[in-house]
Amino acid sequence: DFPYTIRLVSEVLSSYGSTSMASACASALSLMDAGVPIKAPVAGIAMGLVTGKDEAYVVLTDIVGVEDAYGDMDFKVAGTARGLTALQLDIKLQGIDYGILAEALSQAREARLEILGKMDSAISASRSELSPYAPRMYEVTIDQSKIGSVIGPGGRVIRSIIDETKTTIDIRNDGTVIVGSPNEEAAQKAIKIIEGLTREVEQGEVYTGKVTRLFNFGAMVAILPGKEGLVHISELANHHVPRVEDVVKVGDEVMVKVIGIDNSGRINLSRKAVL
């Protein structure tokens, strides 16, 4: 499985043969080189036909420009080692005999297998790692009741995540969240923020948080996005603390343990419990 559709563009600057079949081969090679897990490499070959008097004819393999221009058939055949994936037939005759098509397909198969062998010698399978230049798409699932927490009032929260991480975020009604980015580190950062927004604070868990406010009776510490708790002055250290600012300052990162959550959802934290 692959999370998104890829549009391949092949820019051919000059050619004396079939640009479409060359593009088919090059596209398969580029996908494998980029680490896209394709089922099998595809190669293509353009077949031609020259007819003469008394039903004489010659089937041509890998036609060049002049054979395409003056010949009677341009038959593009693409496929894997196991079978065909695409056909395109242009003819200048009123019709074409089935036997000629069968012969062309047979020659095309022989040529296709030879090309696939050359491709295999260059790269035999898709690389195990996706190219660093390829977009990353990650899927995470959140509780449907938490969708609003990720979106925020008027979309403020989700826009802030997108602006901060430079990612794309798509949230579906069933709780599926698709995060896209050409940078894996940025995508993981966005996922971490989303997981933090939807994660429930649990009693007994230890968090690394940031001090946001100081009071004479304790310090407020943000332990998850949008969630903060109070470390009472008595829970700041193993010794008597005369003043909160003697131990922590706004902006400090501290490790704390959740020691209680009251009926109103207020979180009580302890720094002393993890010292």
Protein backbone atom coordinates (compact mmCIF):
# COMPACT_ATOMS: atom_id res chain seq x y z
CA ASP A 1 0.00 0.00 0.00
CA PHE A 2 1.09 3.56 -0.74
CA PRO A 3 -0.63 6.60 0.79
CA TYR A 4 -0.95 8.86 -2.25
CA THR A 5 -1.15 8.96 -6.04
CA ILE A 6 1.93 9.98 -8.01
CA ARG A 7 1.73 11.94 -11.26
CA LEU A 8 4.76 11.15 -13.38
CA VAL A 9 6.05 13.72 -15.85
CA SER A 10 8.61 12.69 -18.46
CA GLU A 11 10.40 15.50 -20.27
CA VAL A 12 11.99 14.27 -23.50
CA LEU A 13 14.29 16.84 -25.10
CA SER A 14 15.00 14.90 -28.29
CA SER A 15 14.09 11.55 -29.74
CA TYR A 16 14.36 9.39 -32.82
CA GLY A 17 12.09 6.67 -31.49
CA SER A 18 9.11 6.17 -29.21
CA THR A 19 9.12 8.79 -26.46
CA SER A 20 6.12 7.16 -24.76
CA MET A 21 7.80 3.76 -24.44
CA ALA A 22 11.04 5.32 -23.28
CA SER A 23 8.98 7.21 -20.70
CA ALA A 24 7.35 3.97 -19.53
CA CYS A 25 10.76 2.41 -18.87
CA ALA A 26 12.19 5.54 -17.27
CA SER A 27 9.11 6.00 -15.08
CA ALA A 28 9.41 2.49 -13.65
CA LEU A 29 13.11 3.04 -12.95
CA SER A 30 12.49 6.40 -11.30
CA LEU A 31 9.75 5.00 -9.05
CA MET A 32 12.00 2.17 -7.88
CA ASP A 33 14.90 4.55 -7.35
CA ALA A 34 12.63 6.81 -5.27
CA GLY A 35 11.64 3.90 -3.04
CA VAL A 36 8.04 3.68 -4.23
CA PRO A 37 6.94 0.04 -3.72
CA ILE A 38 5.67 -0.92 -7.20
CA LYS A 39 4.47 -4.48 -7.80
CA ALA A 40 6.75 -5.04 -10.80
CA PRO A 41 8.83 -2.97 -13.23
CA VAL A 42 7.21 -2.07 -16.55
CA ALA A 43 8.96 -1.75 -19.91
CA GLY A 44 7.58 -0.77 -23.29
CA ILE A 45 8.46 -1.19 -26.95
CA ALA A 46 7.06 0.37 -30.13
CA MET A 47 6.37 -2.06 -32.97
CA GLY A 48 6.06 -1.06 -36.64
CA LEU A 49 4.89 -2.54 -39.91
CA VAL A 50 5.85 -2.15 -43.55
CA THR A 51 3.61 -3.75 -46.12
CA GLY A 52 4.29 -4.46 -49.79
CA LYS A 53 2.75 -6.13 -52.78
CA ASP A 54 1.18 -9.57 -52.69
CA GLU A 55 0.52 -9.35 -48.93
CA ALA A 56 4.22 -9.12 -48.15
CA TYR A 57 5.01 -7.44 -44.85
CA VAL A 58 7.72 -6.95 -42.25
CA VAL A 59 7.08 -6.38 -38.53
CA LEU A 60 9.61 -3.94 -37.09
CA THR A 61 10.80 -3.83 -33.48
CA ASP A 62 11.66 -0.56 -31.73
CA ILE A 63 10.81 1.70 -34.65
CA VAL A 64 12.61 4.97 -35.23
CA GLY A 65 11.22 8.23 -36.55
CA VAL A 66 11.36 7.49 -40.27
CA GLU A 67 9.82 4.03 -39.77
CA ASP A 68 6.99 5.62 -37.82
CA ALA A 69 6.47 8.32 -40.47
CA TYR A 70 6.50 6.07 -43.53
CA GLY A 71 5.41 2.75 -42.01
CA ASP A 72 1.88 1.40 -41.76
CA MET A 73 1.66 0.78 -38.01
CA ASP A 74 2.73 2.23 -34.68
CA PHE A 75 1.91 -0.39 -32.05
CA LYS A 76 2.98 0.48 -28.52
CA VAL A 77 3.16 -2.49 -26.13
CA ALA A 78 3.99 -2.11 -22.43
CA GLY A 79 4.02 -4.63 -19.64
CA THR A 80 5.84 -6.58 -16.96
CA ALA A 81 7.59 -9.92 -17.24
CA ARG A 82 4.25 -11.61 -16.53
CA GLY A 83 1.95 -9.80 -18.94
CA LEU A 84 0.73 -6.64 -20.66
CA THR A 85 -0.33 -3.47 -18.89
CA ALA A 86 -1.03 -1.13 -21.81
CA LEU A 87 -1.53 -1.18 -25.59
CA GLN A 88 -1.92 1.57 -28.19
CA LEU A 89 -2.36 0.88 -31.90
CA ASP A 90 -2.25 3.40 -34.75
CA ILE A 91 -2.51 2.10 -38.34
CA LYS A 92 -2.64 3.67 -41.77
CA LEU A 93 -4.31 0.65 -43.36
CA GLN A 94 -8.03 -0.13 -43.72
CA GLY A 95 -7.52 -3.06 -41.39
CA ILE A 96 -4.85 -5.40 -40.10
CA ASP A 97 -4.68 -9.17 -40.06
CA TYR A 98 -4.86 -10.91 -36.67
CA GLY A 99 -1.79 -12.97 -37.59
CA ILE A 100 0.27 -9.78 -38.00
CA LEU A 101 -0.83 -8.54 -34.57
CA ALA A 102 0.05 -11.90 -33.01
CA GLU A 103 3.50 -11.76 -34.59
CA ALA A 104 3.99 -8.17 -33.41
CA LEU A 105 2.98 -9.11 -29.87
CA SER A 106 5.37 -12.05 -29.88
CA GLN A 107 8.28 -9.86 -31.02
CA ALA A 108 7.26 -7.20 -28.52
CA ARG A 109 7.37 -9.72 -25.68
CA GLU A 110 10.87 -10.82 -26.64
CA ALA A 111 12.03 -7.20 -26.78
CA ARG A 112 10.25 -6.28 -23.55
CA LEU A 113 11.92 -9.10 -21.64
CA GLU A 114 15.32 -8.01 -22.94
CA ILE A 115 14.68 -4.42 -21.83
CA LEU A 116 13.47 -5.60 -18.42
CA GLY A 117 16.70 -7.54 -18.08
CA LYS A 118 18.71 -4.37 -18.72
CA MET A 119 16.59 -2.49 -16.22
CA ASP A 120 17.06 -5.25 -13.65
CA SER A 121 20.83 -4.92 -13.95
CA ALA A 122 20.49 -1.24 -13.03
CA ILE A 123 18.00 -1.64 -10.17
CA SER A 124 16.20 -4.89 -9.43
CA ALA A 125 13.62 -3.68 -6.89
CA SER A 126 12.34 -0.57 -5.17
CA ARG A 127 14.73 0.87 -2.62
CA SER A 128 13.82 0.06 0.98
CA GLU A 129 13.73 3.74 2.00
CA LEU A 130 11.62 6.44 0.40
CA SER A 131 13.61 9.21 -1.29
CA PRO A 132 14.27 12.21 0.97
CA TYR A 133 12.71 14.36 -1.78
CA ALA A 134 9.43 12.41 -1.78
CA PRO A 135 6.46 13.66 0.25
CA ARG A 136 5.67 11.76 3.42
CA MET A 137 2.07 10.88 4.23
CA TYR A 138 1.22 9.54 7.66
CA GLU A 139 -2.12 8.36 8.98
CA VAL A 140 -3.06 8.57 12.65
CA THR A 141 -6.40 7.95 14.33
CA ILE A 142 -7.82 10.10 17.08
CA ASP A 143 -10.99 9.85 19.13
CA GLN A 144 -13.86 11.50 17.26
CA SER A 145 -14.65 13.54 20.36
CA LYS A 146 -11.16 15.10 20.14
CA ILE A 147 -11.51 16.38 16.57
CA GLY A 148 -12.58 19.78 17.85
CA SER A 149 -9.48 20.01 20.04
CA VAL A 150 -7.24 19.61 16.98
CA ILE A 151 -9.22 22.03 14.81
CA GLY A 152 -9.77 24.65 17.52
CA PRO A 153 -12.14 27.63 17.46
CA GLY A 154 -12.47 28.82 13.88
CA GLY A 155 -9.67 26.45 12.86
CA ARG A 156 -7.11 28.39 14.89
CA VAL A 157 -5.34 25.36 16.36
CA ILE A 158 -4.97 23.38 13.15
CA ARG A 159 -3.75 26.46 11.28
CA SER A 160 -1.12 27.06 13.94
CA ILE A 161 0.13 23.47 13.61
CA ILE A 162 0.30 23.81 9.81
CA ASP A 163 2.14 27.14 10.06
CA GLU A 164 4.58 25.85 12.67
CA THR A 165 5.42 22.52 10.96
CA LYS A 166 4.87 23.46 7.29
CA THR A 167 2.77 20.33 6.80
CA THR A 168 -0.64 19.54 5.34
CA ILE A 169 -3.27 18.13 7.70
CA ASP A 170 -6.56 16.56 6.66
CA ILE A 171 -9.03 15.45 9.34
CA ARG A 172 -11.90 13.14 8.46
CA ASN A 173 -15.14 12.71 10.37
CA ASP A 174 -14.19 9.20 11.54
CA GLY A 175 -11.12 10.54 13.37
CA THR A 176 -8.57 9.68 10.68
CA VAL A 177 -5.89 12.35 10.39
CA ILE A 178 -3.61 12.50 7.32
CA VAL A 179 -0.38 14.43 7.79
CA GLY A 180 1.68 15.23 4.70
CA SER A 181 5.12 16.78 4.35
CA PRO A 182 8.25 16.49 2.18
CA ASN A 183 10.19 16.50 5.45
CA GLU A 184 9.84 13.52 7.79
CA GLU A 185 10.99 15.48 10.83
CA ALA A 186 8.29 18.09 10.23
CA ALA A 187 5.63 15.41 9.79
CA GLN A 188 6.62 13.71 13.04
CA LYS A 189 6.54 17.06 14.84
CA ALA A 190 2.97 17.67 13.62
CA ILE A 191 1.93 14.15 14.67
CA LYS A 192 3.43 14.70 18.12
CA ILE A 193 1.45 17.93 18.54
CA ILE A 194 -1.78 16.24 17.43
CA GLU A 195 -1.21 13.31 19.76
CA GLY A 196 -0.54 15.74 22.59
CA LEU A 197 -3.77 17.61 21.90
CA THR A 198 -5.81 14.41 21.96
CA ARG A 199 -3.97 12.58 24.71
CA GLU A 200 -5.60 12.29 28.12
CA VAL A 201 -3.62 13.15 31.24
CA GLU A 202 -3.39 10.08 33.47
CA GLN A 203 -2.75 9.97 37.18
CA GLY A 204 0.62 8.48 38.04
CA GLU A 205 2.14 9.33 34.66
CA VAL A 206 5.38 11.32 34.44
CA TYR A 207 5.66 14.22 31.97
CA THR A 208 8.29 16.70 30.95
CA GLY A 209 6.62 20.09 30.91
CA LYS A 210 7.36 23.78 30.75
CA VAL A 211 6.74 26.27 33.52
CA THR A 212 4.19 28.83 32.30
CA ARG A 213 3.28 30.88 35.39
CA LEU A 214 4.49 31.44 38.93
CA PHE A 215 2.41 32.12 42.05
CA ASN A 216 3.43 32.52 45.66
CA PHE A 217 1.86 29.10 46.35
CA GLY A 218 3.27 27.17 43.37
CA ALA A 219 3.95 26.98 39.63
CA MET A 220 1.80 26.12 36.63
CA VAL A 221 3.39 23.62 34.27
CA ALA A 222 2.15 22.79 30.74
CA ILE A 223 2.52 19.03 30.36
CA LEU A 224 0.58 18.58 27.10
CA PRO A 225 -0.69 21.04 24.48
CA GLY A 226 -3.60 22.85 26.10
CA LYS A 227 -3.17 21.01 29.40
CA GLU A 228 -1.38 22.35 32.45
CA GLY A 229 -1.32 21.56 36.12
CA LEU A 230 -0.23 23.07 39.41
CA VAL A 231 2.92 22.11 41.26
CA HIS A 232 2.26 23.28 44.80
CA ILE A 233 5.23 24.90 46.53
CA SER A 234 5.34 21.93 48.88
CA GLU A 235 5.79 19.60 45.89
CA LEU A 236 8.67 21.49 44.27
CA ALA A 237 11.54 19.90 46.18
CA ASN A 238 12.48 17.49 48.94
CA HIS A 239 13.38 20.39 51.18
CA HIS A 240 11.54 23.48 52.40
CA VAL A 241 11.14 26.03 49.59
CA PRO A 242 10.80 29.62 50.84
CA ARG A 243 9.95 31.05 47.42
CA VAL A 244 8.80 29.35 44.22
CA GLU A 245 11.26 31.35 42.10
CA ASP A 246 14.14 29.88 44.14
CA VAL A 247 13.49 26.56 42.37
CA VAL A 248 11.87 27.26 38.99
CA LYS A 249 11.42 30.13 36.58
CA VAL A 250 9.00 30.71 33.72
CA GLY A 251 10.23 28.81 30.67
CA ASP A 252 12.06 26.11 32.65
CA GLU A 253 11.55 22.51 31.56
CA VAL A 254 10.77 20.27 34.50
CA MET A 255 9.85 16.63 34.99
CA VAL A 256 6.67 16.19 36.99
CA LYS A 257 4.33 13.42 38.07
CA VAL A 258 0.53 13.62 38.08
CA ILE A 259 -0.52 13.06 41.68
CA GLY A 260 -4.16 13.99 41.37
CA ILE A 261 -7.02 15.10 39.11
CA ASP A 262 -10.07 16.57 40.83
CA ASN A 263 -13.69 16.42 39.72
CA SER A 264 -13.31 19.69 37.83
CA GLY A 265 -10.41 18.29 35.81
CA ARG A 266 -7.77 20.36 37.60
CA ILE A 267 -4.40 18.61 37.57
CA ASN A 268 -2.10 18.43 40.57
CA LEU A 269 1.56 17.80 39.84
CA SER A 270 4.66 16.98 41.85
CA ARG A 271 8.26 17.68 41.01
CA LYS A 272 9.36 16.22 44.33
CA ALA A 273 7.92 12.79 43.38
CA VAL A 274 10.40 12.33 40.52
CA LEU A 275 13.55 13.68 42.17
